[in-house]
N, C-alpha and C. Protein backbone atom coordinates (compact mmCIF):
# COMPACT_ATOMS: atom_id res chain seq x y z
N MET A 1 -21.90 -16.01 -1.67
CA MET A 1 -21.42 -16.94 -0.65
C MET A 1 -21.86 -16.46 0.71
N PRO A 2 -22.44 -17.28 1.53
CA PRO A 2 -22.91 -16.87 2.88
C PRO A 2 -21.70 -16.49 3.84
N SER A 3 -22.05 -15.61 4.74
CA SER A 3 -20.99 -15.22 5.67
C SER A 3 -20.90 -16.26 6.75
N THR A 4 -19.63 -16.51 7.13
CA THR A 4 -19.37 -17.50 8.17
C THR A 4 -19.32 -16.82 9.52
N GLY A 5 -19.39 -15.57 9.63
CA GLY A 5 -19.24 -14.83 10.87
C GLY A 5 -17.81 -14.51 11.26
N LYS A 6 -16.89 -15.16 10.51
CA LYS A 6 -15.47 -14.96 10.78
C LYS A 6 -14.88 -14.38 9.50
N GLU A 7 -15.11 -13.10 9.27
CA GLU A 7 -14.61 -12.42 8.08
C GLU A 7 -13.07 -12.13 8.30
N THR A 8 -12.35 -12.38 7.33
CA THR A 8 -10.91 -12.07 7.39
C THR A 8 -10.74 -10.54 7.18
N PRO A 9 -10.01 -9.86 8.09
CA PRO A 9 -9.82 -8.38 7.91
C PRO A 9 -8.97 -8.18 6.75
N ILE A 10 -9.26 -7.05 6.09
CA ILE A 10 -8.45 -6.69 4.89
C ILE A 10 -7.09 -6.13 5.49
N LEU A 11 -6.05 -6.83 5.11
CA LEU A 11 -4.70 -6.50 5.63
C LEU A 11 -4.06 -5.47 4.74
N MET A 12 -3.02 -4.84 5.27
CA MET A 12 -2.25 -3.87 4.57
C MET A 12 -1.62 -4.50 3.33
N LYS A 13 -1.22 -5.77 3.48
CA LYS A 13 -0.55 -6.42 2.33
C LYS A 13 -1.51 -6.54 1.16
N ASP A 14 -2.76 -6.74 1.40
CA ASP A 14 -3.73 -6.87 0.26
C ASP A 14 -3.87 -5.47 -0.43
N LYS A 15 -3.86 -4.43 0.27
CA LYS A 15 -3.89 -3.09 -0.32
C LYS A 15 -2.58 -2.82 -1.07
N LEU A 16 -1.51 -3.16 -0.52
CA LEU A 16 -0.26 -2.97 -1.17
C LEU A 16 -0.24 -3.76 -2.54
N ARG A 17 -0.72 -4.97 -2.47
CA ARG A 17 -0.76 -5.81 -3.71
C ARG A 17 -1.62 -5.24 -4.75
N THR A 18 -2.84 -4.78 -4.38
CA THR A 18 -3.77 -4.13 -5.26
C THR A 18 -3.11 -2.84 -5.88
N ASP A 19 -2.51 -1.97 -5.04
CA ASP A 19 -1.87 -0.78 -5.56
C ASP A 19 -0.71 -1.10 -6.44
N SER A 20 -0.03 -2.22 -6.17
CA SER A 20 1.16 -2.61 -6.92
C SER A 20 0.68 -2.96 -8.36
N PHE A 21 -0.45 -3.74 -8.42
CA PHE A 21 -1.03 -4.05 -9.76
C PHE A 21 -1.42 -2.84 -10.56
N ALA A 22 -1.99 -1.87 -9.83
CA ALA A 22 -2.51 -0.63 -10.48
C ALA A 22 -1.28 0.20 -10.96
N ALA A 23 -0.18 0.20 -10.19
CA ALA A 23 1.03 0.91 -10.55
C ALA A 23 1.64 0.26 -11.84
N LEU A 24 1.62 -1.12 -11.81
CA LEU A 24 2.13 -1.83 -12.94
C LEU A 24 1.36 -1.52 -14.22
N LYS A 25 0.07 -1.45 -14.11
CA LYS A 25 -0.76 -1.04 -15.26
C LYS A 25 -0.47 0.40 -15.77
N ASP A 26 -0.12 1.27 -14.80
CA ASP A 26 0.14 2.67 -15.10
C ASP A 26 1.62 2.87 -15.55
N HIS A 27 2.43 1.72 -15.62
CA HIS A 27 3.81 1.77 -16.03
C HIS A 27 4.64 2.61 -15.06
N ASN A 28 4.31 2.60 -13.78
CA ASN A 28 4.98 3.34 -12.79
C ASN A 28 6.01 2.32 -12.03
N GLN A 29 7.06 1.98 -12.74
CA GLN A 29 8.00 1.00 -12.17
C GLN A 29 8.66 1.32 -10.83
N PRO A 30 8.97 2.61 -10.59
CA PRO A 30 9.56 2.93 -9.28
C PRO A 30 8.60 2.63 -8.16
N ARG A 31 7.30 2.96 -8.31
CA ARG A 31 6.24 2.67 -7.31
C ARG A 31 6.10 1.17 -7.18
N VAL A 32 6.09 0.43 -8.29
CA VAL A 32 5.86 -0.97 -8.21
C VAL A 32 7.07 -1.63 -7.34
N ASP A 33 8.30 -1.18 -7.66
CA ASP A 33 9.41 -1.69 -6.88
C ASP A 33 9.22 -1.47 -5.45
N VAL A 34 8.90 -0.29 -5.03
CA VAL A 34 8.77 -0.01 -3.60
C VAL A 34 7.62 -0.87 -3.01
N LEU A 35 6.54 -0.90 -3.71
CA LEU A 35 5.38 -1.68 -3.09
C LEU A 35 5.71 -3.19 -3.01
N ARG A 36 6.33 -3.74 -4.05
CA ARG A 36 6.72 -5.11 -3.96
C ARG A 36 7.75 -5.44 -2.83
N PHE A 37 8.62 -4.49 -2.62
CA PHE A 37 9.61 -4.66 -1.52
C PHE A 37 8.86 -4.66 -0.17
N LEU A 38 7.86 -3.78 0.01
CA LEU A 38 7.14 -3.67 1.20
C LEU A 38 6.33 -5.02 1.45
N ILE A 39 5.76 -5.54 0.36
CA ILE A 39 5.00 -6.81 0.44
C ILE A 39 5.95 -7.89 0.88
N SER A 40 7.21 -7.92 0.31
CA SER A 40 8.16 -8.97 0.74
C SER A 40 8.57 -8.80 2.18
N LEU A 41 8.69 -7.63 2.73
CA LEU A 41 9.00 -7.46 4.13
C LEU A 41 7.88 -8.03 4.98
N ILE A 42 6.63 -7.71 4.64
CA ILE A 42 5.50 -8.25 5.39
C ILE A 42 5.44 -9.76 5.31
N ASP A 43 5.69 -10.28 4.10
CA ASP A 43 5.69 -11.74 3.94
C ASP A 43 6.76 -12.37 4.83
N LYS A 44 7.91 -11.77 4.87
CA LYS A 44 9.06 -12.26 5.69
C LYS A 44 8.68 -12.28 7.15
N ARG A 45 8.01 -11.22 7.61
CA ARG A 45 7.63 -11.07 9.01
C ARG A 45 6.56 -12.13 9.32
N ALA A 46 5.60 -12.34 8.37
CA ALA A 46 4.56 -13.37 8.58
C ALA A 46 5.13 -14.67 8.73
N LEU A 47 6.19 -15.06 8.07
CA LEU A 47 6.85 -16.37 8.22
C LEU A 47 7.55 -16.58 9.51
N GLN A 48 7.83 -15.52 10.24
CA GLN A 48 8.41 -15.56 11.61
C GLN A 48 7.36 -15.81 12.65
N LEU A 49 6.10 -15.57 12.25
CA LEU A 49 5.01 -15.68 13.30
C LEU A 49 4.31 -17.04 13.03
N PRO A 50 3.58 -17.48 14.09
CA PRO A 50 2.78 -18.67 13.91
C PRO A 50 1.74 -18.45 12.78
N PRO A 51 1.37 -19.46 11.99
CA PRO A 51 0.38 -19.22 10.91
C PRO A 51 -0.89 -18.53 11.40
N GLY A 52 -1.30 -17.58 10.65
CA GLY A 52 -2.55 -16.83 10.91
C GLY A 52 -2.36 -15.71 11.95
N GLN A 53 -1.25 -15.55 12.51
CA GLN A 53 -1.05 -14.59 13.54
C GLN A 53 -0.61 -13.15 13.03
N MET A 54 -0.53 -13.00 11.69
CA MET A 54 -0.20 -11.69 11.15
C MET A 54 -1.38 -10.77 11.27
N THR A 55 -1.21 -9.62 11.98
CA THR A 55 -2.27 -8.63 12.10
C THR A 55 -1.98 -7.38 11.43
N GLU A 56 -2.85 -6.50 11.28
CA GLU A 56 -2.61 -5.20 10.63
C GLU A 56 -1.60 -4.37 11.49
N ALA A 57 -1.65 -4.55 12.82
CA ALA A 57 -0.76 -3.88 13.74
C ALA A 57 0.67 -4.36 13.45
N GLU A 58 0.84 -5.63 13.22
CA GLU A 58 2.16 -6.15 12.87
C GLU A 58 2.68 -5.60 11.53
N GLU A 59 1.73 -5.58 10.55
CA GLU A 59 2.13 -5.06 9.20
C GLU A 59 2.54 -3.53 9.39
N ILE A 60 1.84 -2.84 10.20
CA ILE A 60 2.14 -1.38 10.40
C ILE A 60 3.47 -1.28 11.07
N ALA A 61 3.76 -2.16 12.02
CA ALA A 61 5.09 -2.18 12.67
C ALA A 61 6.17 -2.39 11.68
N VAL A 62 5.98 -3.35 10.72
CA VAL A 62 6.99 -3.60 9.62
C VAL A 62 7.18 -2.32 8.76
N LEU A 63 6.09 -1.65 8.42
CA LEU A 63 6.22 -0.46 7.60
C LEU A 63 6.91 0.65 8.46
N ARG A 64 6.59 0.78 9.66
CA ARG A 64 7.23 1.84 10.49
C ARG A 64 8.74 1.59 10.59
N LYS A 65 9.15 0.30 10.76
CA LYS A 65 10.55 -0.02 10.87
C LYS A 65 11.19 0.27 9.61
N GLU A 66 10.58 -0.01 8.43
CA GLU A 66 11.15 0.27 7.13
C GLU A 66 11.31 1.76 6.87
N LEU A 67 10.31 2.51 7.32
CA LEU A 67 10.35 3.96 7.22
C LEU A 67 11.54 4.48 7.99
N LYS A 68 11.78 4.00 9.13
CA LYS A 68 12.87 4.49 10.01
C LYS A 68 14.15 4.11 9.30
N ASN A 69 14.28 2.86 8.72
CA ASN A 69 15.50 2.52 8.02
C ASN A 69 15.80 3.45 6.83
N LYS A 70 14.73 3.74 6.07
CA LYS A 70 14.94 4.65 4.94
C LYS A 70 15.32 6.04 5.35
N GLU A 71 14.73 6.51 6.44
CA GLU A 71 15.07 7.86 6.88
C GLU A 71 16.54 7.96 7.39
N GLU A 72 17.02 6.86 8.09
CA GLU A 72 18.36 6.82 8.51
C GLU A 72 19.33 6.72 7.33
N ALA A 73 19.01 5.88 6.27
CA ALA A 73 19.81 5.78 5.17
C ALA A 73 19.86 7.13 4.40
N ARG A 74 18.72 7.78 4.35
CA ARG A 74 18.72 9.13 3.67
C ARG A 74 19.66 10.04 4.35
N GLU A 75 19.72 10.09 5.70
CA GLU A 75 20.66 10.94 6.35
C GLU A 75 22.12 10.62 6.01
N MET A 76 22.38 9.37 5.87
CA MET A 76 23.76 8.95 5.52
C MET A 76 24.12 9.41 4.10
N PHE A 77 23.16 9.28 3.20
CA PHE A 77 23.39 9.70 1.79
C PHE A 77 23.50 11.16 1.69
N VAL A 78 22.80 11.96 2.52
CA VAL A 78 22.94 13.44 2.54
C VAL A 78 24.38 13.75 3.02
N LYS A 79 24.86 13.11 4.04
CA LYS A 79 26.21 13.32 4.50
C LYS A 79 27.24 12.99 3.48
N GLY A 80 26.97 11.97 2.66
CA GLY A 80 27.90 11.55 1.62
C GLY A 80 27.69 12.25 0.26
N ASN A 81 26.90 13.25 0.32
CA ASN A 81 26.59 13.99 -0.95
C ASN A 81 26.17 13.15 -2.08
N ARG A 82 25.31 12.15 -1.84
CA ARG A 82 24.78 11.30 -2.88
C ARG A 82 23.31 11.65 -3.13
N ASP A 83 23.20 12.84 -3.92
CA ASP A 83 21.92 13.40 -4.19
C ASP A 83 21.01 12.48 -4.91
N ASP A 84 21.62 11.65 -5.80
CA ASP A 84 20.79 10.67 -6.56
C ASP A 84 20.04 9.73 -5.61
N LEU A 85 20.78 9.19 -4.60
CA LEU A 85 20.19 8.26 -3.72
C LEU A 85 19.26 8.96 -2.73
N VAL A 86 19.53 10.23 -2.35
CA VAL A 86 18.64 10.93 -1.52
C VAL A 86 17.28 11.18 -2.21
N LYS A 87 17.38 11.52 -3.47
CA LYS A 87 16.14 11.68 -4.25
C LYS A 87 15.34 10.37 -4.32
N GLN A 88 15.99 9.30 -4.49
CA GLN A 88 15.22 8.00 -4.61
C GLN A 88 14.64 7.65 -3.29
N LEU A 89 15.44 7.87 -2.20
CA LEU A 89 14.89 7.55 -0.82
C LEU A 89 13.70 8.53 -0.50
N ASP A 90 13.80 9.76 -0.91
CA ASP A 90 12.73 10.71 -0.65
C ASP A 90 11.40 10.13 -1.26
N TYR A 91 11.50 9.60 -2.49
CA TYR A 91 10.29 9.07 -3.17
C TYR A 91 9.82 7.83 -2.38
N GLU A 92 10.74 6.88 -1.95
CA GLU A 92 10.36 5.74 -1.29
C GLU A 92 9.71 6.03 0.10
N ILE A 93 10.27 7.09 0.77
CA ILE A 93 9.68 7.47 2.05
C ILE A 93 8.24 7.98 1.88
N ILE A 94 8.00 8.74 0.83
CA ILE A 94 6.68 9.25 0.59
C ILE A 94 5.71 8.06 0.33
N VAL A 95 6.16 7.10 -0.42
CA VAL A 95 5.27 5.93 -0.69
C VAL A 95 4.96 5.14 0.60
N VAL A 96 5.99 4.93 1.39
CA VAL A 96 5.72 4.20 2.67
C VAL A 96 4.81 4.92 3.57
N LYS A 97 4.94 6.22 3.66
CA LYS A 97 4.12 7.03 4.57
C LYS A 97 2.66 7.02 4.08
N GLU A 98 2.39 6.84 2.80
CA GLU A 98 1.02 6.69 2.36
C GLU A 98 0.24 5.54 3.01
N TYR A 99 0.96 4.54 3.40
CA TYR A 99 0.30 3.33 3.98
C TYR A 99 0.30 3.31 5.55
N LEU A 100 0.89 4.28 6.10
CA LEU A 100 0.94 4.35 7.58
C LEU A 100 -0.19 5.21 8.06
N PRO A 101 -0.77 4.85 9.26
CA PRO A 101 -1.79 5.70 9.79
C PRO A 101 -1.18 6.99 10.31
N ALA A 102 -1.95 8.09 10.39
CA ALA A 102 -1.48 9.37 10.82
C ALA A 102 -0.97 9.18 12.27
N GLU A 103 0.20 9.80 12.48
CA GLU A 103 0.75 9.70 13.83
C GLU A 103 -0.15 10.52 14.84
N MET A 104 -0.17 10.02 16.04
CA MET A 104 -0.94 10.54 17.11
C MET A 104 -0.24 11.86 17.60
N SER A 105 -1.02 12.80 18.03
CA SER A 105 -0.49 13.99 18.54
C SER A 105 0.16 13.78 19.90
N GLN A 106 1.10 14.66 20.33
CA GLN A 106 1.79 14.52 21.61
C GLN A 106 0.77 14.54 22.71
N GLU A 107 -0.22 15.39 22.63
CA GLU A 107 -1.23 15.57 23.66
C GLU A 107 -2.03 14.25 23.88
N GLU A 108 -2.45 13.60 22.71
CA GLU A 108 -3.19 12.40 22.74
C GLU A 108 -2.32 11.28 23.41
N LEU A 109 -1.08 11.27 23.00
CA LEU A 109 -0.17 10.24 23.58
C LEU A 109 -0.01 10.43 25.08
N GLU A 110 0.21 11.66 25.54
CA GLU A 110 0.35 11.91 26.94
C GLU A 110 -0.89 11.48 27.76
N ASN A 111 -2.04 11.75 27.16
CA ASN A 111 -3.32 11.35 27.85
C ASN A 111 -3.35 9.84 27.97
N ILE A 112 -3.01 9.10 26.95
CA ILE A 112 -3.01 7.65 27.00
C ILE A 112 -2.02 7.14 28.03
N VAL A 113 -0.80 7.73 28.06
CA VAL A 113 0.22 7.34 29.10
C VAL A 113 -0.32 7.64 30.45
N ASP A 114 -0.85 8.83 30.73
CA ASP A 114 -1.45 9.19 31.95
C ASP A 114 -2.42 8.14 32.44
N GLU A 115 -3.33 7.78 31.56
CA GLU A 115 -4.40 6.80 31.91
C GLU A 115 -3.77 5.46 32.31
N ALA A 116 -2.74 5.03 31.52
CA ALA A 116 -2.07 3.74 31.76
C ALA A 116 -1.34 3.74 33.10
N VAL A 117 -0.68 4.94 33.43
CA VAL A 117 -0.03 4.95 34.73
C VAL A 117 -1.01 4.91 35.86
N LEU A 118 -2.12 5.58 35.67
CA LEU A 118 -3.26 5.44 36.74
C LEU A 118 -3.76 3.98 36.90
N SER A 119 -3.98 3.36 35.73
CA SER A 119 -4.51 2.01 35.88
C SER A 119 -3.54 0.90 36.20
N GLU A 120 -2.25 1.12 35.82
CA GLU A 120 -1.30 0.01 36.00
C GLU A 120 -0.24 0.33 37.00
N GLY A 121 -0.23 1.55 37.61
CA GLY A 121 0.71 1.90 38.61
C GLY A 121 2.05 2.30 37.93
N LYS A 122 3.19 2.22 38.62
CA LYS A 122 4.42 2.69 38.16
C LYS A 122 5.37 1.64 37.68
N GLU A 123 4.75 0.50 37.21
CA GLU A 123 5.59 -0.59 36.67
C GLU A 123 5.75 -0.35 35.10
N PHE A 124 6.96 -0.09 34.74
CA PHE A 124 7.27 0.40 33.36
C PHE A 124 6.74 -0.61 32.30
N GLY A 125 7.08 -1.88 32.51
CA GLY A 125 6.62 -2.93 31.52
C GLY A 125 5.12 -2.93 31.26
N LYS A 126 4.34 -2.93 32.42
CA LYS A 126 2.90 -2.97 32.31
C LYS A 126 2.31 -1.77 31.62
N VAL A 127 2.86 -0.59 31.97
CA VAL A 127 2.44 0.67 31.41
C VAL A 127 2.72 0.65 29.89
N MET A 128 3.88 0.23 29.53
CA MET A 128 4.29 0.17 28.15
C MET A 128 3.35 -0.75 27.37
N LYS A 129 3.04 -1.89 27.92
CA LYS A 129 2.18 -2.80 27.20
C LYS A 129 0.81 -2.21 27.00
N VAL A 130 0.23 -1.59 27.94
CA VAL A 130 -1.04 -0.94 27.77
C VAL A 130 -1.06 0.15 26.79
N VAL A 131 -0.02 0.99 26.78
CA VAL A 131 0.04 2.07 25.85
C VAL A 131 0.26 1.57 24.47
N MET A 132 1.19 0.58 24.27
CA MET A 132 1.47 0.05 22.92
C MET A 132 0.21 -0.52 22.29
N THR A 133 -0.57 -1.16 23.11
CA THR A 133 -1.79 -1.81 22.63
C THR A 133 -2.81 -0.68 22.19
N LYS A 134 -2.93 0.37 22.94
CA LYS A 134 -3.89 1.46 22.65
C LYS A 134 -3.45 2.32 21.44
N VAL A 135 -2.13 2.43 21.23
CA VAL A 135 -1.70 3.29 20.11
C VAL A 135 -1.55 2.54 18.84
N ALA A 136 -1.46 1.18 18.91
CA ALA A 136 -1.43 0.23 17.80
C ALA A 136 -0.87 0.78 16.51
N GLY A 137 0.47 1.07 16.60
CA GLY A 137 1.19 1.39 15.46
C GLY A 137 1.11 2.92 15.02
N ARG A 138 0.42 3.69 15.76
CA ARG A 138 0.31 5.14 15.40
C ARG A 138 1.45 5.98 15.99
N VAL A 139 2.25 5.36 16.90
CA VAL A 139 3.43 6.00 17.46
C VAL A 139 4.45 4.94 17.68
N GLY A 140 5.72 5.25 17.42
CA GLY A 140 6.77 4.26 17.68
C GLY A 140 7.15 4.20 19.03
N GLY A 141 7.66 3.04 19.50
CA GLY A 141 8.11 2.81 20.83
C GLY A 141 9.26 3.81 21.28
N GLU A 142 10.01 4.23 20.31
CA GLU A 142 11.05 5.14 20.66
C GLU A 142 10.53 6.54 21.19
N LYS A 143 9.32 6.86 20.87
CA LYS A 143 8.77 8.06 21.42
C LYS A 143 7.97 7.82 22.69
N ILE A 144 7.47 6.55 22.84
CA ILE A 144 6.58 6.21 23.96
C ILE A 144 7.50 5.98 25.25
N ALA A 145 8.54 5.20 25.11
CA ALA A 145 9.34 4.79 26.23
C ALA A 145 9.86 5.95 27.07
N PRO A 146 10.46 6.99 26.42
CA PRO A 146 10.97 8.18 27.30
C PRO A 146 9.75 8.86 27.98
N LEU A 147 8.65 9.00 27.31
CA LEU A 147 7.46 9.64 27.93
C LEU A 147 7.00 8.85 29.15
N VAL A 148 6.92 7.51 29.02
CA VAL A 148 6.44 6.68 30.12
C VAL A 148 7.46 6.77 31.29
N LYS A 149 8.76 6.66 31.00
CA LYS A 149 9.74 6.86 32.05
C LYS A 149 9.57 8.18 32.78
N SER A 150 9.32 9.23 32.02
CA SER A 150 9.23 10.55 32.58
C SER A 150 7.97 10.64 33.49
N LYS A 151 6.84 10.03 32.97
CA LYS A 151 5.60 10.13 33.75
C LYS A 151 5.73 9.27 35.02
N ILE A 152 6.35 8.13 34.91
CA ILE A 152 6.54 7.25 36.10
C ILE A 152 7.43 7.91 37.18
N SER A 153 8.49 8.52 36.77
CA SER A 153 9.44 9.10 37.73
C SER A 153 8.96 10.42 38.30
N ASN A 154 8.17 11.17 37.45
CA ASN A 154 7.65 12.45 38.00
C ASN A 154 6.23 12.37 38.59
N GLY A 155 5.53 11.28 38.18
CA GLY A 155 4.11 11.22 38.57
C GLY A 155 4.01 10.86 40.00
């Protein structure tokens, strides 16, 4: 089939689906369950966006949010002495992390924030927008915002 010049990027959901089928063939039901759940979260987010607007960055944001939810739930289960649920969440956290890009180092993040402050001035919203675009899912906003505030007030 000839190329149209507009190739559809391979999205995270496609990889999750392929890996889910492989896990099913390997009779690894816990992995299948986690992957299917992640696919459903991405599908749900895609329905909230205009058709065709789901990007890999959006998918990564969905996975990051789910990772954060699982880590918070794990903390609660540890406090409640629910070792069975802690063990299950540990496995789910490992699986989710497999699909996330490696986090950016603090030094790399600080350099990007410094560049954004130089180019955009001291307006928090503009700096955040530039930084969030450049890091594209490799660092969560909860780590970026305090750093931007610090750089703007001290810079």
